[in-house]
């Protein structure tokens, strides 16, 4: 079996975006944080970020990375608030549209034709059509090279009622109902697919 051995520093010297493209194509699928924020001037911003994960369970925190100083990062620095939405399959066109690099004075809500809903615990507007949204207050911003990781503490969640369908666990949101999109490399997206249930083993019990 043959492998291509890649010196990441040398790769970056020949093309500064090559390491980014390699990581983007291999670290897949990546969940999408569809983040709404509001500028200090009151402009509602909305953008997809695919470097995204749960950062802490207690207290509940989410983290996403801004590649460069984009509007989301600037807004969060100014206001200390944001909302992370599930980027659902039915909203794929709108999610993609909100990543078009609109000017800071243009609201992606309006550009993509999305209805707003008021935040419950924050002043940021929510995407009314998203099946789930987590309202966050800023915990920390970690500057990393040309990027910045934004960590927010979740203070409120809004989850559409029909997402809760599990007969045994009524408070467990259904993946099938959420239909979350994921990002791959290049311009590729991953649609919700097969779900496999596999019980985690307990050492000494299942061994």
C-alpha atoms as a PDB file:
ATOM      1  CA  UNK A   1       0.000   0.000   0.000  1.00  0.00           C
ATOM      2  CA  UNK A   2       1.428   3.368  -1.037  1.00  0.00           C
ATOM      3  CA  UNK A   3       0.926   6.604   0.895  1.00  0.00           C
ATOM      4  CA  UNK A   4       1.610  10.175  -0.145  1.00  0.00           C
ATOM      5  CA  UNK A   5       3.814  11.637   2.615  1.00  0.00           C
ATOM      6  CA  UNK A   6       3.089  15.352   2.938  1.00  0.00           C
ATOM      7  CA  UNK A   7       5.233  17.938   4.694  1.00  0.00           C
ATOM      8  CA  UNK A   8       2.591  20.453   5.747  1.00  0.00           C
ATOM      9  CA  UNK A   9       5.062  23.348   6.034  1.00  0.00           C
ATOM     10  CA  UNK A  10       6.404  22.726   2.536  1.00  0.00           C
ATOM     11  CA  UNK A  11       2.867  22.306   1.203  1.00  0.00           C
ATOM     12  CA  UNK A  12       1.959  25.693   2.600  1.00  0.00           C
ATOM     13  CA  UNK A  13       4.993  27.327   1.045  1.00  0.00           C
ATOM     14  CA  UNK A  14       3.905  26.288  -2.444  1.00  0.00           C
ATOM     15  CA  UNK A  15       0.253  27.248  -1.872  1.00  0.00           C
ATOM     16  CA  UNK A  16      -0.813  28.832   1.411  1.00  0.00           C
ATOM     17  CA  UNK A  17      -4.345  27.426   1.144  1.00  0.00           C
ATOM     18  CA  UNK A  18      -3.250  23.870   0.303  1.00  0.00           C
ATOM     19  CA  UNK A  19      -3.059  22.675   3.960  1.00  0.00           C
ATOM     20  CA  UNK A  20      -6.552  24.083   4.544  1.00  0.00           C
ATOM     21  CA  UNK A  21      -7.943  22.248   1.511  1.00  0.00           C
ATOM     22  CA  UNK A  22      -6.310  18.991   2.610  1.00  0.00           C
ATOM     23  CA  UNK A  23      -7.754  19.201   6.121  1.00  0.00           C
ATOM     24  CA  UNK A  24     -11.166  20.202   4.754  1.00  0.00           C
ATOM     25  CA  UNK A  25     -11.256  17.167   2.468  1.00  0.00           C
ATOM     26  CA  UNK A  26     -10.160  14.606   5.066  1.00  0.00           C
ATOM     27  CA  UNK A  27     -11.773  15.819   8.291  1.00  0.00           C
ATOM     28  CA  UNK A  28     -15.289  14.985   7.131  1.00  0.00           C
ATOM     29  CA  UNK A  29     -18.194  15.176   7.514  1.00  0.00           C
ATOM     30  CA  UNK A  30     -18.223  18.411   9.495  1.00  0.00           C
ATOM     31  CA  UNK A  31     -21.365  19.662  11.215  1.00  0.00           C
ATOM     32  CA  UNK A  32     -22.383  23.205  10.290  1.00  0.00           C
ATOM     33  CA  UNK A  33     -22.850  25.958  12.832  1.00  0.00           C
ATOM     34  CA  UNK A  34     -25.271  28.345  11.123  1.00  0.00           C
ATOM     35  CA  UNK A  35     -24.538  31.370  13.274  1.00  0.00           C
ATOM     36  CA  UNK A  36     -26.605  34.505  13.601  1.00  0.00           C
ATOM     37  CA  UNK A  37     -25.170  37.606  15.230  1.00  0.00           C
ATOM     38  CA  UNK A  38     -25.887  41.317  15.340  1.00  0.00           C
ATOM     39  CA  UNK A  39     -23.437  44.135  14.706  1.00  0.00           C
ATOM     40  CA  UNK A  40     -23.051  47.089  17.027  1.00  0.00           C
ATOM     41  CA  UNK A  41     -24.976  49.074  14.380  1.00  0.00           C
ATOM     42  CA  UNK A  42     -27.898  46.643  14.534  1.00  0.00           C
ATOM     43  CA  UNK A  43     -27.339  44.695  11.294  1.00  0.00           C
ATOM     44  CA  UNK A  44     -28.437  41.044  11.543  1.00  0.00           C
ATOM     45  CA  UNK A  45     -25.735  38.706  10.247  1.00  0.00           C
ATOM     46  CA  UNK A  46     -26.035  35.009   9.402  1.00  0.00           C
ATOM     47  CA  UNK A  47     -23.220  32.736   8.218  1.00  0.00           C
ATOM     48  CA  UNK A  48     -22.319  29.006   8.071  1.00  0.00           C
ATOM     49  CA  UNK A  49     -19.179  27.806   9.858  1.00  0.00           C
ATOM     50  CA  UNK A  50     -18.103  24.188   9.386  1.00  0.00           C
ATOM     51  CA  UNK A  51     -15.329  24.084  12.013  1.00  0.00           C
ATOM     52  CA  UNK A  52     -17.834  23.400  14.791  1.00  0.00           C
ATOM     53  CA  UNK A  53     -18.336  21.166  17.832  1.00  0.00           C
ATOM     54  CA  UNK A  54     -19.594  20.842  21.411  1.00  0.00           C
ATOM     55  CA  UNK A  55     -16.834  22.269  23.606  1.00  0.00           C
ATOM     56  CA  UNK A  56     -18.093  21.456  27.106  1.00  0.00           C
ATOM     57  CA  UNK A  57     -20.941  19.474  28.660  1.00  0.00           C
ATOM     58  CA  UNK A  58     -21.211  21.251  32.008  1.00  0.00           C
ATOM     59  CA  UNK A  59     -21.716  24.108  31.647  1.00  0.00           C
ATOM     60  CA  UNK A  60     -22.989  23.534  28.107  1.00  0.00           C
ATOM     61  CA  UNK A  61     -20.724  25.224  25.556  1.00  0.00           C
ATOM     62  CA  UNK A  62     -20.390  25.252  21.783  1.00  0.00           C
ATOM     63  CA  UNK A  63     -17.326  26.234  19.765  1.00  0.00           C
ATOM     64  CA  UNK A  64     -16.838  27.237  16.159  1.00  0.00           C
ATOM     65  CA  UNK A  65     -13.899  28.713  14.281  1.00  0.00           C
ATOM     66  CA  UNK A  66     -13.887  31.806  12.104  1.00  0.00           C
ATOM     67  CA  UNK A  67     -11.427  31.490   9.245  1.00  0.00           C
ATOM     68  CA  UNK A  68     -10.235  35.084   9.170  1.00  0.00           C
ATOM     69  CA  UNK A  69     -11.873  38.184  10.638  1.00  0.00           C
ATOM     70  CA  UNK A  70     -15.371  37.746   9.260  1.00  0.00           C
ATOM     71  CA  UNK A  71     -18.523  39.631  10.252  1.00  0.00           C
ATOM     72  CA  UNK A  72     -19.548  36.955  12.761  1.00  0.00           C
ATOM     73  CA  UNK A  73     -16.302  37.301  14.694  1.00  0.00           C
ATOM     74  CA  UNK A  74     -16.458  41.091  14.708  1.00  0.00           C
ATOM     75  CA  UNK A  75     -20.083  41.069  15.856  1.00  0.00           C
ATOM     76  CA  UNK A  76     -19.457  38.596  18.667  1.00  0.00           C
ATOM     77  CA  UNK A  77     -16.513  40.681  19.861  1.00  0.00           C
ATOM     78  CA  UNK A  78     -18.802  43.734  19.907  1.00  0.00           C
ATOM     79  CA  UNK A  79     -21.941  42.264  21.491  1.00  0.00           C
ATOM     80  CA  UNK A  80     -20.917  39.011  23.218  1.00  0.00           C
ATOM     81  CA  UNK A  81     -23.951  37.127  21.860  1.00  0.00           C
ATOM     82  CA  UNK A  82     -24.799  34.740  19.034  1.00  0.00           C
ATOM     83  CA  UNK A  83     -27.163  31.905  18.083  1.00  0.00           C
ATOM     84  CA  UNK A  84     -26.117  28.570  16.566  1.00  0.00           C
ATOM     85  CA  UNK A  85     -28.744  26.910  14.349  1.00  0.00           C
ATOM     86  CA  UNK A  86     -29.053  23.478  12.825  1.00  0.00           C
ATOM     87  CA  UNK A  87     -28.482  23.839   9.090  1.00  0.00           C
ATOM     88  CA  UNK A  88     -31.316  21.579   7.956  1.00  0.00           C
ATOM     89  CA  UNK A  89     -31.535  19.865   4.581  1.00  0.00           C
ATOM     90  CA  UNK A  90     -34.664  21.768   3.588  1.00  0.00           C
ATOM     91  CA  UNK A  91     -32.729  25.027   4.057  1.00  0.00           C
ATOM     92  CA  UNK A  92     -29.663  24.019   2.048  1.00  0.00           C
ATOM     93  CA  UNK A  93     -30.040  26.734  -0.580  1.00  0.00           C
ATOM     94  CA  UNK A  94     -30.413  29.439   2.056  1.00  0.00           C
ATOM     95  CA  UNK A  95     -27.493  28.099   4.103  1.00  0.00           C
ATOM     96  CA  UNK A  96     -25.292  28.203   1.032  1.00  0.00           C
ATOM     97  CA  UNK A  97     -26.507  31.686   0.102  1.00  0.00           C
ATOM     98  CA  UNK A  98     -25.574  33.094   3.528  1.00  0.00           C
ATOM     99  CA  UNK A  99     -21.943  32.158   2.855  1.00  0.00           C
ATOM    100  CA  UNK A 100     -21.692  34.435  -0.199  1.00  0.00           C
ATOM    101  CA  UNK A 101     -19.578  37.088   1.533  1.00  0.00           C
ATOM    102  CA  UNK A 102     -22.226  39.800   1.689  1.00  0.00           C
ATOM    103  CA  UNK A 103     -21.044  43.289   2.736  1.00  0.00           C
ATOM    104  CA  UNK A 104     -21.221  44.006   6.462  1.00  0.00           C
ATOM    105  CA  UNK A 105     -24.150  46.400   6.006  1.00  0.00           C
ATOM    106  CA  UNK A 106     -26.262  43.763   4.198  1.00  0.00           C
ATOM    107  CA  UNK A 107     -28.277  41.318   6.305  1.00  0.00           C
ATOM    108  CA  UNK A 108     -28.056  37.719   5.085  1.00  0.00           C
ATOM    109  CA  UNK A 109     -31.548  37.153   6.515  1.00  0.00           C
ATOM    110  CA  UNK A 110     -32.921  39.580   3.945  1.00  0.00           C
ATOM    111  CA  UNK A 111     -30.614  38.498   1.128  1.00  0.00           C
ATOM    112  CA  UNK A 112     -31.603  34.832   1.559  1.00  0.00           C
ATOM    113  CA  UNK A 113     -35.296  35.595   2.182  1.00  0.00           C
ATOM    114  CA  UNK A 114     -35.340  34.125   5.694  1.00  0.00           C
ATOM    115  CA  UNK A 115     -37.880  35.025   8.360  1.00  0.00           C
ATOM    116  CA  UNK A 116     -36.579  36.145  11.742  1.00  0.00           C
ATOM    117  CA  UNK A 117     -37.764  35.153  15.210  1.00  0.00           C
ATOM    118  CA  UNK A 118     -36.631  37.007  18.339  1.00  0.00           C
ATOM    119  CA  UNK A 119     -34.075  35.418  20.617  1.00  0.00           C
ATOM    120  CA  UNK A 120     -35.398  34.391  24.035  1.00  0.00           C
ATOM    121  CA  UNK A 121     -32.358  35.176  26.200  1.00  0.00           C
ATOM    122  CA  UNK A 122     -30.192  37.190  23.788  1.00  0.00           C
ATOM    123  CA  UNK A 123     -30.837  40.199  21.554  1.00  0.00           C
ATOM    124  CA  UNK A 124     -29.791  38.322  18.400  1.00  0.00           C
ATOM    125  CA  UNK A 125     -32.418  37.268  15.851  1.00  0.00           C
ATOM    126  CA  UNK A 126     -33.107  33.577  15.226  1.00  0.00           C
ATOM    127  CA  UNK A 127     -33.783  31.781  11.919  1.00  0.00           C
ATOM    128  CA  UNK A 128     -37.469  30.967  12.294  1.00  0.00           C
ATOM    129  CA  UNK A 129     -37.330  27.956   9.942  1.00  0.00           C
ATOM    130  CA  UNK A 130     -34.416  26.146  11.599  1.00  0.00           C
ATOM    131  CA  UNK A 131     -35.529  23.083  13.608  1.00  0.00           C
ATOM    132  CA  UNK A 132     -33.156  23.843  16.496  1.00  0.00           C
ATOM    133  CA  UNK A 133     -31.241  26.844  17.780  1.00  0.00           C
ATOM    134  CA  UNK A 134     -28.898  27.420  20.708  1.00  0.00           C
ATOM    135  CA  UNK A 135     -28.624  30.916  22.114  1.00  0.00           C
ATOM    136  CA  UNK A 136     -25.125  31.633  23.414  1.00  0.00           C
ATOM    137  CA  UNK A 137     -23.231  34.259  25.369  1.00  0.00           C
ATOM    138  CA  UNK A 138     -19.530  34.615  24.703  1.00  0.00           C
ATOM    139  CA  UNK A 139     -17.256  32.634  27.026  1.00  0.00           C
ATOM    140  CA  UNK A 140     -13.913  33.053  25.264  1.00  0.00           C
ATOM    141  CA  UNK A 141     -12.279  33.827  21.951  1.00  0.00           C
ATOM    142  CA  UNK A 142      -9.052  31.957  21.277  1.00  0.00           C
ATOM    143  CA  UNK A 143      -6.905  33.489  18.548  1.00  0.00           C
ATOM    144  CA  UNK A 144      -5.161  30.777  16.514  1.00  0.00           C
ATOM    145  CA  UNK A 145      -2.917  31.989  13.703  1.00  0.00           C
ATOM    146  CA  UNK A 146      -5.167  33.538  11.063  1.00  0.00           C
ATOM    147  CA  UNK A 147      -8.293  32.042  12.666  1.00  0.00           C
ATOM    148  CA  UNK A 148     -10.210  32.484  15.898  1.00  0.00           C
ATOM    149  CA  UNK A 149     -12.132  29.896  17.919  1.00  0.00           C
ATOM    150  CA  UNK A 150     -15.304  31.328  19.452  1.00  0.00           C
ATOM    151  CA  UNK A 151     -16.585  29.497  22.534  1.00  0.00           C
ATOM    152  CA  UNK A 152     -20.071  30.308  23.771  1.00  0.00           C
ATOM    153  CA  UNK A 153     -22.074  29.191  26.792  1.00  0.00           C
ATOM    154  CA  UNK A 154     -25.529  27.972  25.813  1.00  0.00           C
ATOM    155  CA  UNK A 155     -28.146  29.859  27.826  1.00  0.00           C
ATOM    156  CA  UNK A 156     -31.294  28.845  25.947  1.00  0.00           C
ATOM    157  CA  UNK A 157     -32.395  26.282  23.362  1.00  0.00           C
ATOM    158  CA  UNK A 158     -35.350  26.374  20.970  1.00  0.00           C
ATOM    159  CA  UNK A 159     -36.120  22.978  19.414  1.00  0.00           C
ATOM    160  CA  UNK A 160     -39.158  22.354  17.220  1.00  0.00           C
ATOM    161  CA  UNK A 161     -41.627  20.112  19.025  1.00  0.00           C
ATOM    162  CA  UNK A 162     -42.008  17.563  16.201  1.00  0.00           C
ATOM    163  CA  UNK A 163     -38.294  16.747  16.464  1.00  0.00           C
ATOM    164  CA  UNK A 164     -38.940  14.818  19.692  1.00  0.00           C
ATOM    165  CA  UNK A 165     -40.218  11.465  18.420  1.00  0.00           C
ATOM    166  CA  UNK A 166     -38.238   8.759  20.264  1.00  0.00           C
ATOM    167  CA  UNK A 167     -40.712   6.393  21.983  1.00  0.00           C
ATOM    168  CA  UNK A 168     -38.347   5.495  24.839  1.00  0.00           C
ATOM    169  CA  UNK A 169     -36.534   8.808  25.257  1.00  0.00           C
ATOM    170  CA  UNK A 170     -39.102  11.599  24.718  1.00  0.00           C
ATOM    171  CA  UNK A 171     -36.509  14.347  25.359  1.00  0.00           C
ATOM    172  CA  UNK A 172     -34.103  12.979  22.724  1.00  0.00           C
ATOM    173  CA  UNK A 173     -34.182  14.934  19.423  1.00  0.00           C
ATOM    174  CA  UNK A 174     -34.497  12.745  16.339  1.00  0.00           C
ATOM    175  CA  UNK A 175     -31.703  12.895  13.748  1.00  0.00           C
ATOM    176  CA  UNK A 176     -34.253  11.913  11.116  1.00  0.00           C
ATOM    177  CA  UNK A 177     -36.390  14.944  11.956  1.00  0.00           C
ATOM    178  CA  UNK A 178     -33.476  17.375  12.301  1.00  0.00           C
ATOM    179  CA  UNK A 179     -32.034  16.392   8.891  1.00  0.00           C
ATOM    180  CA  UNK A 180     -28.733  18.228   9.508  1.00  0.00           C
ATOM    181  CA  UNK A 181     -26.418  19.044   6.637  1.00  0.00           C
ATOM    182  CA  UNK A 182     -22.645  18.570   6.803  1.00  0.00           C
ATOM    183  CA  UNK A 183     -19.736  19.966   4.826  1.00  0.00           C
ATOM    184  CA  UNK A 184     -17.092  17.992   2.969  1.00  0.00           C
ATOM    185  CA  UNK A 185     -14.216  19.239   0.807  1.00  0.00           C
ATOM    186  CA  UNK A 186     -14.332  21.646  -2.138  1.00  0.00           C
ATOM    187  CA  UNK A 187     -17.988  22.548  -2.834  1.00  0.00           C
ATOM    188  CA  UNK A 188     -19.267  19.191  -1.573  1.00  0.00           C
ATOM    189  CA  UNK A 189     -22.014  18.773   1.005  1.00  0.00           C
ATOM    190  CA  UNK A 190     -23.175  15.658   2.849  1.00  0.00           C
ATOM    191  CA  UNK A 191     -26.883  14.955   3.139  1.00  0.00           C
ATOM    192  CA  UNK A 192     -28.357  13.027   6.072  1.00  0.00           C
ATOM    193  CA  UNK A 193     -27.903   9.320   5.468  1.00  0.00           C
ATOM    194  CA  UNK A 194     -28.113   5.942   7.156  1.00  0.00           C
ATOM    195  CA  UNK A 195     -28.195   5.831  10.958  1.00  0.00           C
ATOM    196  CA  UNK A 196     -26.643   2.812  12.682  1.00  0.00           C
ATOM    197  CA  UNK A 197     -27.269   2.064  16.369  1.00  0.00           C
ATOM    198  CA  UNK A 198     -24.305   0.503  18.171  1.00  0.00           C
ATOM    199  CA  UNK A 199     -24.318   0.212  21.939  1.00  0.00           C
ATOM    200  CA  UNK A 200     -21.137   1.373  23.635  1.00  0.00           C
ATOM    201  CA  UNK A 201     -19.518  -1.547  25.486  1.00  0.00           C
ATOM    202  CA  UNK A 202     -18.773  -1.445  29.213  1.00  0.00           C
ATOM    203  CA  UNK A 203     -15.423  -2.898  30.254  1.00  0.00           C
ATOM    204  CA  UNK A 204     -15.877  -5.945  32.458  1.00  0.00           C
ATOM    205  CA  UNK A 205     -19.484  -6.369  31.386  1.00  0.00           C
ATOM    206  CA  UNK A 206     -19.276  -6.754  27.595  1.00  0.00           C
ATOM    207  CA  UNK A 207     -15.733  -8.194  27.492  1.00  0.00           C
END
